[in-house]
Amino acid sequence: MGRAKVPAFVKPFLAFSYLTQECCYDQRAFDEVESNPHNVPSDPIPHLAYGPLVESRGICSGLAWAFKTLMDEANIECICVAGFLKEDLKNGHIWNLVKIDGQYYHVDPTWGIKNDGVFISGLMQPDSMMKSSHIWEYQKYPQARGMRFDYDYIEDFLVENGNEYIDEGANEKYFFPDEIVD
C-alpha cells in the first residue's frame, strides 16, 4: 500500500486484490491433501502464510493465514474460519472474517485465486450470502451481518479517491485490477 493511508474498509480489498493477482493455487498440494487427508503434507509451505506471501503459492489454509497476516499488519481484526464448501463436503476449507466499523464480513481469498481476475463474490460478504456456498459451525464465529462495505461501495470510493492514493505511492495494480469478476 506504500505510504498511502487508506481507510480501513479498503484494506481487505487491497489484501484480497494483492493475493489474487500475485499468488497461484497450488493444485499439487491440494491433491496431496485430498489423497492423504490424515498424513502430514510433504511440502508444508502452501499451507502456511509463508507460501502465498513469499513463494506466491498456496491452498486455502495458506491463503487464509496470509490474508490474516496482512490484516494483522493493517490493524484490522481478522479470524480464520474452518468449514466446507458445499460443492466439496469431503475436504475442509478455510477462509476469513474481518471486522470493519463494528461489523463482520466474510472474505475468501481462495475464490479469487481459483478464478481468472479478482473474483469479488468472496469479498466482504455477510453470512446470508456465504451460506449459499460455504458451511461452518455458525455458533463458533461472530455473525457477519455487515452489508455496507460491499464491493460496490469500495469500488465507488476508489473511483472517486483512488488516484489520490496512487499519487501517495500506492500500487495502482491493486487499487485498480485489470480484471474484476463477479
N, C-alpha and C. Protein backbone atom coordinates (compact mmCIF):
# COMPACT_ATOMS: atom_id res chain seq x y z
N MET A 1 0.81 -1.18 0.00
CA MET A 1 0.00 0.00 0.00
C MET A 1 0.86 1.26 0.00
N GLY A 2 2.16 1.08 0.05
CA GLY A 2 3.04 2.24 0.09
C GLY A 2 2.81 3.05 1.35
N ARG A 3 2.92 4.34 1.22
CA ARG A 3 2.71 5.23 2.37
C ARG A 3 1.29 5.77 2.41
N ALA A 4 0.46 5.37 1.47
CA ALA A 4 -0.91 5.85 1.42
C ALA A 4 -1.68 5.39 2.65
N LYS A 5 -2.42 6.29 3.23
CA LYS A 5 -3.22 5.98 4.42
C LYS A 5 -4.67 5.77 3.98
N VAL A 6 -4.96 4.54 3.56
CA VAL A 6 -6.29 4.23 3.07
C VAL A 6 -7.23 3.91 4.23
N PRO A 7 -8.53 4.14 4.04
CA PRO A 7 -9.50 3.80 5.09
C PRO A 7 -9.51 2.29 5.36
N ALA A 8 -9.90 1.93 6.56
CA ALA A 8 -9.92 0.51 6.96
C ALA A 8 -10.76 -0.34 6.02
N PHE A 9 -11.89 0.17 5.54
CA PHE A 9 -12.77 -0.66 4.71
C PHE A 9 -12.16 -0.98 3.34
N VAL A 10 -11.12 -0.27 2.92
CA VAL A 10 -10.46 -0.54 1.65
C VAL A 10 -9.37 -1.61 1.81
N LYS A 11 -8.81 -1.73 2.99
CA LYS A 11 -7.67 -2.63 3.21
C LYS A 11 -7.97 -4.09 2.92
N PRO A 12 -9.14 -4.65 3.31
CA PRO A 12 -9.40 -6.04 2.91
C PRO A 12 -9.42 -6.24 1.40
N PHE A 13 -9.98 -5.26 0.69
CA PHE A 13 -9.97 -5.34 -0.78
C PHE A 13 -8.55 -5.35 -1.31
N LEU A 14 -7.69 -4.48 -0.79
CA LEU A 14 -6.32 -4.40 -1.28
C LEU A 14 -5.55 -5.69 -1.00
N ALA A 15 -5.74 -6.27 0.19
CA ALA A 15 -5.09 -7.54 0.52
C ALA A 15 -5.60 -8.65 -0.39
N PHE A 16 -6.91 -8.67 -0.59
CA PHE A 16 -7.55 -9.65 -1.47
C PHE A 16 -7.03 -9.48 -2.90
N SER A 17 -6.99 -8.24 -3.37
CA SER A 17 -6.50 -7.94 -4.71
C SER A 17 -5.04 -8.38 -4.87
N TYR A 18 -4.24 -8.10 -3.87
CA TYR A 18 -2.83 -8.50 -3.90
C TYR A 18 -2.70 -10.02 -4.00
N LEU A 19 -3.37 -10.74 -3.10
CA LEU A 19 -3.25 -12.20 -3.09
C LEU A 19 -3.77 -12.81 -4.38
N THR A 20 -4.89 -12.31 -4.90
CA THR A 20 -5.45 -12.92 -6.10
C THR A 20 -4.62 -12.64 -7.34
N GLN A 21 -3.86 -11.55 -7.33
CA GLN A 21 -3.05 -11.23 -8.50
C GLN A 21 -1.63 -11.78 -8.41
N GLU A 22 -1.13 -11.98 -7.21
CA GLU A 22 0.26 -12.38 -7.04
C GLU A 22 0.46 -13.85 -6.74
N CYS A 23 -0.59 -14.55 -6.36
CA CYS A 23 -0.44 -15.96 -5.94
C CYS A 23 -1.14 -16.90 -6.92
N CYS A 24 -0.67 -18.12 -6.91
CA CYS A 24 -1.35 -19.16 -7.67
C CYS A 24 -1.79 -20.26 -6.71
N TYR A 25 -2.85 -20.93 -7.09
CA TYR A 25 -3.36 -22.03 -6.28
C TYR A 25 -2.47 -23.23 -6.51
N ASP A 26 -1.99 -23.84 -5.44
CA ASP A 26 -1.07 -24.97 -5.53
C ASP A 26 -1.88 -26.28 -5.60
N GLN A 27 -2.26 -26.63 -6.80
CA GLN A 27 -3.11 -27.80 -7.01
C GLN A 27 -2.42 -29.09 -6.54
N ARG A 28 -1.10 -29.16 -6.70
CA ARG A 28 -0.37 -30.35 -6.26
C ARG A 28 -0.53 -30.53 -4.75
N ALA A 29 -0.44 -29.45 -4.00
CA ALA A 29 -0.59 -29.54 -2.54
C ALA A 29 -2.01 -29.96 -2.17
N PHE A 30 -2.99 -29.42 -2.88
CA PHE A 30 -4.38 -29.82 -2.62
C PHE A 30 -4.58 -31.29 -2.94
N ASP A 31 -4.08 -31.74 -4.08
CA ASP A 31 -4.24 -33.15 -4.46
C ASP A 31 -3.61 -34.08 -3.42
N GLU A 32 -2.48 -33.68 -2.87
CA GLU A 32 -1.84 -34.49 -1.84
C GLU A 32 -2.72 -34.59 -0.59
N VAL A 33 -3.29 -33.47 -0.17
CA VAL A 33 -4.18 -33.47 1.00
C VAL A 33 -5.42 -34.31 0.71
N GLU A 34 -5.97 -34.16 -0.46
CA GLU A 34 -7.18 -34.89 -0.83
C GLU A 34 -6.93 -36.41 -0.84
N SER A 35 -5.77 -36.83 -1.32
CA SER A 35 -5.49 -38.26 -1.40
C SER A 35 -5.04 -38.85 -0.06
N ASN A 36 -4.45 -38.02 0.81
CA ASN A 36 -3.97 -38.49 2.12
C ASN A 36 -4.33 -37.47 3.20
N PRO A 37 -5.62 -37.33 3.53
CA PRO A 37 -6.02 -36.26 4.45
C PRO A 37 -5.46 -36.37 5.86
N HIS A 38 -5.03 -37.54 6.27
CA HIS A 38 -4.53 -37.72 7.65
C HIS A 38 -3.01 -37.68 7.74
N ASN A 39 -2.34 -37.55 6.60
CA ASN A 39 -0.87 -37.51 6.59
C ASN A 39 -0.38 -36.07 6.69
N VAL A 40 0.81 -35.93 7.23
CA VAL A 40 1.46 -34.62 7.25
C VAL A 40 1.90 -34.31 5.82
N PRO A 41 1.61 -33.10 5.33
CA PRO A 41 2.00 -32.78 3.94
C PRO A 41 3.51 -32.86 3.74
N SER A 42 3.90 -33.32 2.57
CA SER A 42 5.33 -33.39 2.25
C SER A 42 5.92 -31.99 2.06
N ASP A 43 5.08 -31.05 1.68
CA ASP A 43 5.51 -29.65 1.49
C ASP A 43 4.56 -28.76 2.29
N PRO A 44 4.95 -28.31 3.47
CA PRO A 44 4.04 -27.50 4.29
C PRO A 44 3.87 -26.06 3.81
N ILE A 45 4.72 -25.58 2.94
CA ILE A 45 4.73 -24.17 2.55
C ILE A 45 3.37 -23.68 2.04
N PRO A 46 2.66 -24.40 1.16
CA PRO A 46 1.39 -23.86 0.67
C PRO A 46 0.29 -23.80 1.73
N HIS A 47 0.51 -24.44 2.86
CA HIS A 47 -0.47 -24.47 3.95
C HIS A 47 -0.27 -23.32 4.94
N LEU A 48 0.82 -22.61 4.81
CA LEU A 48 1.21 -21.55 5.75
C LEU A 48 1.14 -20.20 5.07
N ALA A 49 1.07 -19.12 5.83
CA ALA A 49 1.08 -17.76 5.27
C ALA A 49 2.32 -17.54 4.41
N TYR A 50 3.42 -18.17 4.77
CA TYR A 50 4.67 -18.04 4.03
C TYR A 50 4.49 -18.38 2.55
N GLY A 51 3.73 -19.41 2.26
CA GLY A 51 3.55 -19.85 0.87
C GLY A 51 3.04 -18.73 -0.03
N PRO A 52 1.87 -18.17 0.26
CA PRO A 52 1.38 -17.08 -0.58
C PRO A 52 2.21 -15.80 -0.48
N LEU A 53 2.68 -15.46 0.72
CA LEU A 53 3.36 -14.18 0.90
C LEU A 53 4.80 -14.16 0.39
N VAL A 54 5.47 -15.31 0.39
CA VAL A 54 6.87 -15.34 -0.02
C VAL A 54 7.05 -16.10 -1.34
N GLU A 55 6.41 -17.25 -1.46
CA GLU A 55 6.60 -18.06 -2.66
C GLU A 55 5.45 -17.93 -3.67
N SER A 56 4.46 -17.12 -3.35
CA SER A 56 3.33 -16.84 -4.25
C SER A 56 2.54 -18.08 -4.64
N ARG A 57 2.38 -19.00 -3.69
CA ARG A 57 1.59 -20.21 -3.94
C ARG A 57 0.96 -20.66 -2.64
N GLY A 58 -0.23 -21.24 -2.75
CA GLY A 58 -0.88 -21.73 -1.55
C GLY A 58 -2.19 -22.43 -1.84
N ILE A 59 -2.72 -23.05 -0.80
CA ILE A 59 -4.07 -23.58 -0.84
C ILE A 59 -4.87 -22.78 0.19
N CYS A 60 -6.11 -23.16 0.44
CA CYS A 60 -6.99 -22.33 1.26
C CYS A 60 -6.40 -21.97 2.62
N SER A 61 -5.76 -22.90 3.28
CA SER A 61 -5.22 -22.59 4.61
C SER A 61 -4.12 -21.55 4.53
N GLY A 62 -3.20 -21.70 3.60
CA GLY A 62 -2.13 -20.73 3.45
C GLY A 62 -2.66 -19.36 3.03
N LEU A 63 -3.65 -19.36 2.16
CA LEU A 63 -4.23 -18.09 1.71
C LEU A 63 -4.98 -17.39 2.85
N ALA A 64 -5.72 -18.16 3.64
CA ALA A 64 -6.44 -17.57 4.78
C ALA A 64 -5.45 -17.02 5.81
N TRP A 65 -4.39 -17.74 6.09
CA TRP A 65 -3.38 -17.26 7.05
C TRP A 65 -2.62 -16.06 6.48
N ALA A 66 -2.37 -16.06 5.19
CA ALA A 66 -1.71 -14.91 4.57
C ALA A 66 -2.61 -13.68 4.64
N PHE A 67 -3.89 -13.86 4.36
CA PHE A 67 -4.83 -12.75 4.45
C PHE A 67 -4.88 -12.22 5.88
N LYS A 68 -4.93 -13.14 6.84
CA LYS A 68 -4.95 -12.73 8.25
C LYS A 68 -3.68 -11.97 8.60
N THR A 69 -2.55 -12.42 8.13
CA THR A 69 -1.29 -11.73 8.38
C THR A 69 -1.34 -10.30 7.85
N LEU A 70 -1.86 -10.14 6.64
CA LEU A 70 -1.98 -8.81 6.06
C LEU A 70 -2.95 -7.93 6.86
N MET A 71 -4.03 -8.52 7.33
CA MET A 71 -5.00 -7.76 8.13
C MET A 71 -4.40 -7.40 9.50
N ASP A 72 -3.64 -8.33 10.09
CA ASP A 72 -2.98 -8.03 11.36
C ASP A 72 -2.03 -6.84 11.19
N GLU A 73 -1.28 -6.83 10.09
CA GLU A 73 -0.38 -5.72 9.81
C GLU A 73 -1.13 -4.40 9.61
N ALA A 74 -2.36 -4.50 9.12
CA ALA A 74 -3.19 -3.31 8.88
C ALA A 74 -4.02 -2.94 10.12
N ASN A 75 -3.82 -3.68 11.22
CA ASN A 75 -4.58 -3.45 12.46
C ASN A 75 -6.08 -3.63 12.28
N ILE A 76 -6.45 -4.65 11.52
CA ILE A 76 -7.85 -4.99 11.31
C ILE A 76 -8.09 -6.37 11.89
N GLU A 77 -9.10 -6.47 12.75
CA GLU A 77 -9.43 -7.75 13.36
C GLU A 77 -9.81 -8.75 12.28
N CYS A 78 -9.20 -9.92 12.34
CA CYS A 78 -9.42 -10.95 11.33
C CYS A 78 -9.37 -12.32 12.00
N ILE A 79 -10.29 -13.17 11.62
CA ILE A 79 -10.41 -14.53 12.16
C ILE A 79 -10.39 -15.51 10.99
N CYS A 80 -9.72 -16.63 11.17
CA CYS A 80 -9.78 -17.71 10.18
C CYS A 80 -10.98 -18.60 10.53
N VAL A 81 -11.78 -18.91 9.53
CA VAL A 81 -12.99 -19.72 9.70
C VAL A 81 -12.76 -21.08 9.06
N ALA A 82 -13.02 -22.14 9.81
CA ALA A 82 -12.89 -23.50 9.28
C ALA A 82 -14.27 -24.04 8.96
N GLY A 83 -14.40 -24.63 7.79
CA GLY A 83 -15.68 -25.20 7.38
C GLY A 83 -15.50 -26.00 6.11
N PHE A 84 -16.50 -25.91 5.25
CA PHE A 84 -16.52 -26.66 3.99
C PHE A 84 -17.15 -25.80 2.91
N LEU A 85 -16.84 -26.14 1.68
CA LEU A 85 -17.58 -25.60 0.54
C LEU A 85 -18.70 -26.59 0.25
N LYS A 86 -19.87 -26.10 -0.05
CA LYS A 86 -21.00 -27.00 -0.34
C LYS A 86 -20.70 -27.91 -1.53
N GLU A 87 -19.87 -27.46 -2.44
CA GLU A 87 -19.52 -28.26 -3.61
C GLU A 87 -18.52 -29.36 -3.29
N ASP A 88 -17.92 -29.33 -2.09
CA ASP A 88 -16.89 -30.30 -1.72
C ASP A 88 -16.96 -30.56 -0.21
N LEU A 89 -17.85 -31.45 0.19
CA LEU A 89 -18.03 -31.74 1.61
C LEU A 89 -17.00 -32.72 2.15
N LYS A 90 -16.16 -33.24 1.27
CA LYS A 90 -15.13 -34.20 1.67
C LYS A 90 -13.91 -33.49 2.27
N ASN A 91 -13.53 -32.38 1.69
CA ASN A 91 -12.33 -31.65 2.11
C ASN A 91 -12.72 -30.38 2.85
N GLY A 92 -12.02 -30.10 3.92
CA GLY A 92 -12.27 -28.87 4.65
C GLY A 92 -11.84 -27.65 3.85
N HIS A 93 -12.30 -26.50 4.32
CA HIS A 93 -11.97 -25.24 3.66
C HIS A 93 -11.77 -24.18 4.74
N ILE A 94 -10.90 -23.22 4.49
CA ILE A 94 -10.64 -22.15 5.44
C ILE A 94 -10.72 -20.81 4.71
N TRP A 95 -11.39 -19.85 5.34
CA TRP A 95 -11.48 -18.50 4.82
C TRP A 95 -11.47 -17.55 6.01
N ASN A 96 -11.83 -16.29 5.82
CA ASN A 96 -11.67 -15.29 6.88
C ASN A 96 -12.95 -14.52 7.18
N LEU A 97 -12.96 -13.98 8.39
CA LEU A 97 -13.92 -12.96 8.80
C LEU A 97 -13.10 -11.73 9.17
N VAL A 98 -13.50 -10.56 8.67
CA VAL A 98 -12.86 -9.31 9.06
C VAL A 98 -13.90 -8.43 9.73
N LYS A 99 -13.42 -7.62 10.66
CA LYS A 99 -14.31 -6.70 11.37
C LYS A 99 -13.97 -5.27 10.95
N ILE A 100 -14.95 -4.63 10.33
CA ILE A 100 -14.80 -3.25 9.87
C ILE A 100 -15.96 -2.45 10.45
N ASP A 101 -15.63 -1.37 11.13
CA ASP A 101 -16.64 -0.47 11.69
C ASP A 101 -17.68 -1.22 12.52
N GLY A 102 -17.19 -2.20 13.32
CA GLY A 102 -18.07 -2.93 14.24
C GLY A 102 -18.85 -4.07 13.63
N GLN A 103 -18.71 -4.31 12.34
CA GLN A 103 -19.44 -5.38 11.66
C GLN A 103 -18.46 -6.37 11.04
N TYR A 104 -18.85 -7.65 11.05
CA TYR A 104 -18.03 -8.69 10.43
C TYR A 104 -18.47 -8.94 9.00
N TYR A 105 -17.48 -9.32 8.18
CA TYR A 105 -17.67 -9.66 6.77
C TYR A 105 -16.82 -10.88 6.46
N HIS A 106 -17.33 -11.76 5.59
CA HIS A 106 -16.54 -12.90 5.11
C HIS A 106 -15.67 -12.48 3.94
N VAL A 107 -14.47 -13.04 3.91
CA VAL A 107 -13.55 -12.87 2.77
C VAL A 107 -12.94 -14.24 2.49
N ASP A 108 -13.07 -14.70 1.26
CA ASP A 108 -12.49 -15.99 0.88
C ASP A 108 -11.46 -15.77 -0.23
N PRO A 109 -10.19 -15.58 0.16
CA PRO A 109 -9.16 -15.31 -0.85
C PRO A 109 -8.94 -16.47 -1.82
N THR A 110 -9.28 -17.68 -1.44
CA THR A 110 -9.10 -18.82 -2.36
C THR A 110 -9.97 -18.65 -3.59
N TRP A 111 -11.17 -18.14 -3.41
CA TRP A 111 -12.07 -17.95 -4.55
C TRP A 111 -11.46 -17.02 -5.58
N GLY A 112 -10.76 -16.00 -5.11
CA GLY A 112 -10.16 -15.06 -6.04
C GLY A 112 -9.06 -15.69 -6.87
N ILE A 113 -8.34 -16.61 -6.28
CA ILE A 113 -7.20 -17.22 -6.96
C ILE A 113 -7.64 -18.33 -7.91
N LYS A 114 -8.67 -19.04 -7.55
CA LYS A 114 -9.09 -20.16 -8.38
C LYS A 114 -9.89 -19.72 -9.61
N ASN A 115 -10.11 -18.44 -9.76
CA ASN A 115 -10.83 -17.89 -10.91
C ASN A 115 -9.94 -16.85 -11.58
N ASP A 116 -10.23 -16.56 -12.82
CA ASP A 116 -9.45 -15.54 -13.53
C ASP A 116 -9.84 -14.16 -13.03
N GLY A 117 -8.87 -13.34 -12.77
CA GLY A 117 -9.13 -11.99 -12.30
C GLY A 117 -9.37 -11.93 -10.81
N VAL A 118 -9.79 -10.77 -10.32
CA VAL A 118 -10.11 -10.57 -8.92
C VAL A 118 -11.59 -10.92 -8.76
N PHE A 119 -11.87 -12.10 -8.25
CA PHE A 119 -13.22 -12.67 -8.16
C PHE A 119 -13.87 -12.16 -6.87
N ILE A 120 -14.73 -11.17 -6.98
CA ILE A 120 -15.22 -10.44 -5.81
C ILE A 120 -16.38 -11.10 -5.08
N SER A 121 -16.90 -12.23 -5.57
CA SER A 121 -18.02 -12.88 -4.88
C SER A 121 -17.64 -13.38 -3.50
N GLY A 122 -16.36 -13.55 -3.24
CA GLY A 122 -15.91 -13.99 -1.92
C GLY A 122 -15.35 -12.85 -1.09
N LEU A 123 -15.71 -11.62 -1.41
CA LEU A 123 -15.15 -10.45 -0.75
C LEU A 123 -16.22 -9.66 -0.01
N MET A 124 -16.02 -9.45 1.29
CA MET A 124 -16.86 -8.60 2.12
C MET A 124 -18.34 -9.02 2.04
N GLN A 125 -18.58 -10.29 2.35
CA GLN A 125 -19.92 -10.86 2.27
C GLN A 125 -20.51 -11.12 3.66
N PRO A 126 -21.82 -10.93 3.83
CA PRO A 126 -22.48 -11.29 5.08
C PRO A 126 -22.76 -12.80 5.10
N ASP A 127 -23.09 -13.30 6.28
CA ASP A 127 -23.46 -14.72 6.42
C ASP A 127 -24.51 -15.13 5.39
N SER A 128 -25.52 -14.29 5.20
CA SER A 128 -26.63 -14.65 4.31
C SER A 128 -26.15 -14.98 2.90
N MET A 129 -25.11 -14.33 2.42
CA MET A 129 -24.57 -14.61 1.09
C MET A 129 -23.64 -15.83 1.12
N MET A 130 -22.81 -15.93 2.13
CA MET A 130 -21.85 -17.04 2.19
C MET A 130 -22.53 -18.38 2.43
N LYS A 131 -23.68 -18.39 3.08
CA LYS A 131 -24.36 -19.65 3.36
C LYS A 131 -24.77 -20.39 2.10
N SER A 132 -24.84 -19.70 0.98
CA SER A 132 -25.21 -20.38 -0.26
C SER A 132 -24.09 -21.25 -0.80
N SER A 133 -22.85 -21.01 -0.37
CA SER A 133 -21.71 -21.76 -0.91
C SER A 133 -20.80 -22.36 0.15
N HIS A 134 -20.86 -21.86 1.38
CA HIS A 134 -19.97 -22.29 2.46
C HIS A 134 -20.77 -22.84 3.63
N ILE A 135 -20.16 -23.78 4.34
CA ILE A 135 -20.77 -24.36 5.55
C ILE A 135 -19.77 -24.21 6.67
N TRP A 136 -20.23 -23.74 7.84
CA TRP A 136 -19.38 -23.62 9.02
C TRP A 136 -20.26 -23.74 10.25
N GLU A 137 -19.65 -23.97 11.39
CA GLU A 137 -20.41 -24.04 12.63
C GLU A 137 -20.68 -22.60 13.08
N TYR A 138 -21.87 -22.13 12.77
CA TYR A 138 -22.23 -20.73 12.96
C TYR A 138 -22.01 -20.23 14.38
N GLN A 139 -22.28 -21.09 15.36
CA GLN A 139 -22.18 -20.67 16.76
C GLN A 139 -20.74 -20.45 17.21
N LYS A 140 -19.76 -20.94 16.46
CA LYS A 140 -18.35 -20.79 16.85
C LYS A 140 -17.73 -19.46 16.42
N TYR A 141 -18.43 -18.71 15.57
CA TYR A 141 -17.86 -17.50 15.00
C TYR A 141 -18.84 -16.33 15.16
N PRO A 142 -18.31 -15.12 15.17
CA PRO A 142 -19.20 -13.95 15.20
C PRO A 142 -20.09 -13.92 13.96
N GLN A 143 -21.28 -13.41 14.11
CA GLN A 143 -22.17 -13.30 12.97
C GLN A 143 -21.69 -12.18 12.05
N ALA A 144 -21.66 -12.49 10.77
CA ALA A 144 -21.27 -11.50 9.76
C ALA A 144 -22.56 -10.89 9.20
N ARG A 145 -22.87 -9.72 9.67
CA ARG A 145 -24.09 -9.03 9.24
C ARG A 145 -23.77 -7.79 8.41
N GLY A 146 -22.49 -7.50 8.29
CA GLY A 146 -22.09 -6.30 7.57
C GLY A 146 -22.56 -6.32 6.13
N MET A 147 -23.10 -5.21 5.68
CA MET A 147 -23.56 -5.09 4.29
C MET A 147 -23.08 -3.78 3.67
N ARG A 148 -22.69 -2.83 4.49
CA ARG A 148 -22.34 -1.50 3.99
C ARG A 148 -21.12 -1.53 3.08
N PHE A 149 -20.07 -2.22 3.49
CA PHE A 149 -18.80 -2.16 2.77
C PHE A 149 -18.66 -3.30 1.77
N ASP A 150 -19.66 -3.46 0.93
CA ASP A 150 -19.57 -4.46 -0.13
C ASP A 150 -18.67 -3.91 -1.25
N TYR A 151 -18.44 -4.72 -2.26
CA TYR A 151 -17.53 -4.29 -3.31
C TYR A 151 -18.00 -3.02 -4.02
N ASP A 152 -19.30 -2.90 -4.25
CA ASP A 152 -19.81 -1.70 -4.93
C ASP A 152 -19.45 -0.43 -4.16
N TYR A 153 -19.55 -0.48 -2.84
CA TYR A 153 -19.21 0.67 -2.01
C TYR A 153 -17.71 0.98 -2.13
N ILE A 154 -16.91 -0.07 -2.04
CA ILE A 154 -15.45 0.09 -2.14
C ILE A 154 -15.07 0.63 -3.52
N GLU A 155 -15.68 0.06 -4.55
CA GLU A 155 -15.38 0.50 -5.92
C GLU A 155 -15.73 1.98 -6.10
N ASP A 156 -16.90 2.38 -5.64
CA ASP A 156 -17.29 3.79 -5.76
C ASP A 156 -16.28 4.69 -5.06
N PHE A 157 -15.83 4.27 -3.88
CA PHE A 157 -14.85 5.05 -3.14
C PHE A 157 -13.53 5.15 -3.91
N LEU A 158 -13.08 4.03 -4.47
CA LEU A 158 -11.81 4.03 -5.19
C LEU A 158 -11.87 4.83 -6.49
N VAL A 159 -13.00 4.77 -7.17
CA VAL A 159 -13.15 5.56 -8.39
C VAL A 159 -13.03 7.04 -8.06
N GLU A 160 -13.64 7.43 -6.95
CA GLU A 160 -13.62 8.83 -6.55
C GLU A 160 -12.28 9.27 -5.95
N ASN A 161 -11.63 8.39 -5.18
CA ASN A 161 -10.46 8.77 -4.40
C ASN A 161 -9.17 8.02 -4.70
N GLY A 162 -9.25 6.97 -5.51
CA GLY A 162 -8.11 6.07 -5.71
C GLY A 162 -6.86 6.73 -6.23
N ASN A 163 -6.99 7.66 -7.15
CA ASN A 163 -5.80 8.30 -7.71
C ASN A 163 -5.02 9.08 -6.67
N GLU A 164 -5.70 9.57 -5.67
CA GLU A 164 -5.02 10.26 -4.56
C GLU A 164 -4.05 9.31 -3.86
N TYR A 165 -4.45 8.06 -3.67
CA TYR A 165 -3.59 7.08 -3.02
C TYR A 165 -2.45 6.65 -3.93
N ILE A 166 -2.74 6.56 -5.22
CA ILE A 166 -1.70 6.23 -6.19
C ILE A 166 -0.63 7.32 -6.15
N ASP A 167 -1.07 8.57 -6.10
CA ASP A 167 -0.13 9.70 -6.03
C ASP A 167 0.72 9.65 -4.77
N GLU A 168 0.21 9.02 -3.71
CA GLU A 168 0.94 8.91 -2.44
C GLU A 168 1.84 7.69 -2.39
N GLY A 169 1.89 6.92 -3.47
CA GLY A 169 2.81 5.80 -3.53
C GLY A 169 2.17 4.43 -3.53
N ALA A 170 0.84 4.34 -3.51
CA ALA A 170 0.17 3.03 -3.55
C ALA A 170 0.32 2.43 -4.95
N ASN A 171 0.28 1.11 -5.03
CA ASN A 171 0.43 0.40 -6.29
C ASN A 171 -0.92 0.35 -7.02
N GLU A 172 -0.97 0.96 -8.17
CA GLU A 172 -2.20 1.05 -8.95
C GLU A 172 -2.77 -0.33 -9.27
N LYS A 173 -1.92 -1.30 -9.46
CA LYS A 173 -2.33 -2.66 -9.83
C LYS A 173 -3.33 -3.24 -8.83
N TYR A 174 -3.15 -2.93 -7.55
CA TYR A 174 -4.03 -3.49 -6.52
C TYR A 174 -5.26 -2.63 -6.29
N PHE A 175 -5.17 -1.35 -6.53
CA PHE A 175 -6.32 -0.45 -6.41
C PHE A 175 -7.27 -0.62 -7.59
N PHE A 176 -6.70 -0.79 -8.77
CA PHE A 176 -7.48 -0.88 -10.00
C PHE A 176 -7.05 -2.09 -10.80
N PRO A 177 -7.43 -3.31 -10.36
CA PRO A 177 -7.04 -4.52 -11.10
C PRO A 177 -7.57 -4.50 -12.53
N ASP A 178 -6.85 -5.14 -13.42
CA ASP A 178 -7.28 -5.22 -14.83
C ASP A 178 -8.59 -5.97 -14.97
N GLU A 179 -8.78 -7.00 -14.17
CA GLU A 179 -9.94 -7.89 -14.34
C GLU A 179 -10.67 -8.07 -13.02
N ILE A 180 -11.92 -7.60 -12.96
CA ILE A 180 -12.80 -7.83 -11.82
C ILE A 180 -13.88 -8.80 -12.30
N VAL A 181 -14.05 -9.90 -11.59
CA VAL A 181 -15.03 -10.92 -11.98
C VAL A 181 -16.04 -11.06 -10.84
N ASP A 182 -17.31 -11.06 -11.17
CA ASP A 182 -18.37 -11.20 -10.15
C ASP A 182 -18.86 -12.63 -10.09
